[in-house]
């Protein structure tokens, strides 16, 4: 446990930041899971409609520093490739 006043404050700040980061990371993960499940079910049109929302969640996580920019770009690229592959299969 922190002893000094500044250490106590840092603990409070870290808890607050961790909670905020969890929110954005969970939103991003849920959006990706939803998109992938739509593609698996064969609902390509719905997946294409949800793609901008998923991009938005990923970009917000990157902007907040929860994931890095290149990581966000890679996730978006893989999701769009997944949708395109599924479209070509049908």
Protein backbone atom coordinates (compact mmCIF):
# COMPACT_ATOMS: atom_id res chain seq x y z
CA UNK A 1 0.00 0.00 0.00
CA UNK A 2 1.23 3.50 -0.73
CA UNK A 3 2.47 5.51 2.21
CA UNK A 4 3.24 8.97 0.88
CA UNK A 5 0.56 11.40 -0.22
CA UNK A 6 1.84 11.46 -3.81
CA UNK A 7 1.89 7.66 -4.00
CA UNK A 8 -1.72 7.54 -2.81
CA UNK A 9 -2.68 10.02 -5.51
CA UNK A 10 -0.85 7.98 -8.17
CA UNK A 11 -2.79 4.90 -7.07
CA UNK A 12 -6.08 6.77 -7.46
CA UNK A 13 -5.03 8.03 -10.91
CA UNK A 14 -3.94 4.58 -12.05
CA UNK A 15 -7.23 3.00 -10.98
CA UNK A 16 -9.22 5.66 -12.80
CA UNK A 17 -7.15 5.29 -15.96
CA UNK A 18 -7.34 1.50 -15.85
CA UNK A 19 -11.14 1.66 -15.64
CA UNK A 20 -11.34 4.09 -18.57
CA UNK A 21 -8.96 1.98 -20.65
CA UNK A 22 -11.00 -1.16 -19.94
CA UNK A 23 -14.12 0.49 -21.33
CA UNK A 24 -12.50 1.35 -24.67
CA UNK A 25 -10.69 -1.97 -24.98
CA UNK A 26 -13.87 -3.93 -24.24
CA UNK A 27 -15.87 -1.87 -26.78
CA UNK A 28 -13.24 -2.60 -29.39
CA UNK A 29 -13.14 -6.33 -28.60
CA UNK A 30 -16.94 -6.64 -28.62
CA UNK A 31 -17.19 -4.82 -31.96
CA UNK A 32 -14.61 -7.14 -33.50
CA UNK A 33 -16.33 -10.24 -32.07
CA UNK A 34 -19.71 -9.09 -33.40
CA UNK A 35 -18.28 -8.46 -36.86
CA UNK A 36 -16.53 -11.84 -36.98
CA UNK A 37 -19.68 -13.65 -35.85
CA UNK A 38 -21.71 -11.94 -38.57
CA UNK A 39 -19.21 -13.09 -41.18
CA UNK A 40 -19.26 -16.66 -39.81
CA UNK A 41 -23.05 -16.69 -40.01
CA UNK A 42 -22.85 -15.56 -43.61
CA UNK A 43 -24.46 -12.16 -43.02
CA UNK A 44 -21.99 -10.25 -45.18
CA UNK A 45 -24.27 -7.26 -45.85
CA UNK A 46 -24.77 -6.68 -42.12
CA UNK A 47 -21.05 -7.11 -41.51
CA UNK A 48 -20.32 -4.43 -44.12
CA UNK A 49 -22.78 -2.11 -42.40
CA UNK A 50 -21.12 -2.72 -39.02
CA UNK A 51 -17.60 -2.23 -40.38
CA UNK A 52 -17.53 1.59 -39.86
CA UNK A 53 -18.66 1.18 -36.24
CA UNK A 54 -15.94 -1.39 -35.66
CA UNK A 55 -13.37 0.92 -37.27
CA UNK A 56 -14.55 3.70 -34.99
CA UNK A 57 -14.07 1.56 -31.87
CA UNK A 58 -10.60 0.48 -33.00
CA UNK A 59 -9.57 4.05 -33.88
CA UNK A 60 -10.74 5.37 -30.52
CA UNK A 61 -8.71 2.73 -28.70
CA UNK A 62 -5.67 3.71 -30.76
CA UNK A 63 -6.24 7.41 -30.15
CA UNK A 64 -6.44 6.85 -26.40
CA UNK A 65 -3.18 4.89 -26.51
CA UNK A 66 -4.74 1.59 -25.49
CA UNK A 67 -3.39 -0.05 -28.62
CA UNK A 68 -0.77 1.31 -30.99
CA UNK A 69 -1.57 2.88 -34.34
CA UNK A 70 0.00 0.10 -36.40
CA UNK A 71 -1.88 -2.49 -34.35
CA UNK A 72 -5.14 -0.67 -35.11
CA UNK A 73 -4.30 -0.53 -38.82
CA UNK A 74 -3.51 -4.24 -38.84
CA UNK A 75 -6.79 -5.12 -37.12
CA UNK A 76 -8.79 -3.01 -39.59
CA UNK A 77 -6.96 -4.49 -42.55
CA UNK A 78 -7.58 -8.05 -41.41
CA UNK A 79 -11.27 -7.39 -40.81
CA UNK A 80 -11.78 -5.88 -44.25
CA UNK A 81 -9.84 -8.77 -45.81
CA UNK A 82 -12.07 -11.23 -43.95
CA UNK A 83 -15.19 -9.58 -45.35
CA UNK A 84 -13.75 -9.45 -48.86
CA UNK A 85 -12.78 -13.13 -48.75
CA UNK A 86 -16.27 -14.03 -47.57
CA UNK A 87 -17.82 -11.96 -50.35
CA UNK A 88 -15.75 -13.73 -52.99
CA UNK A 89 -16.69 -17.16 -51.67
CA UNK A 90 -20.40 -16.53 -52.08
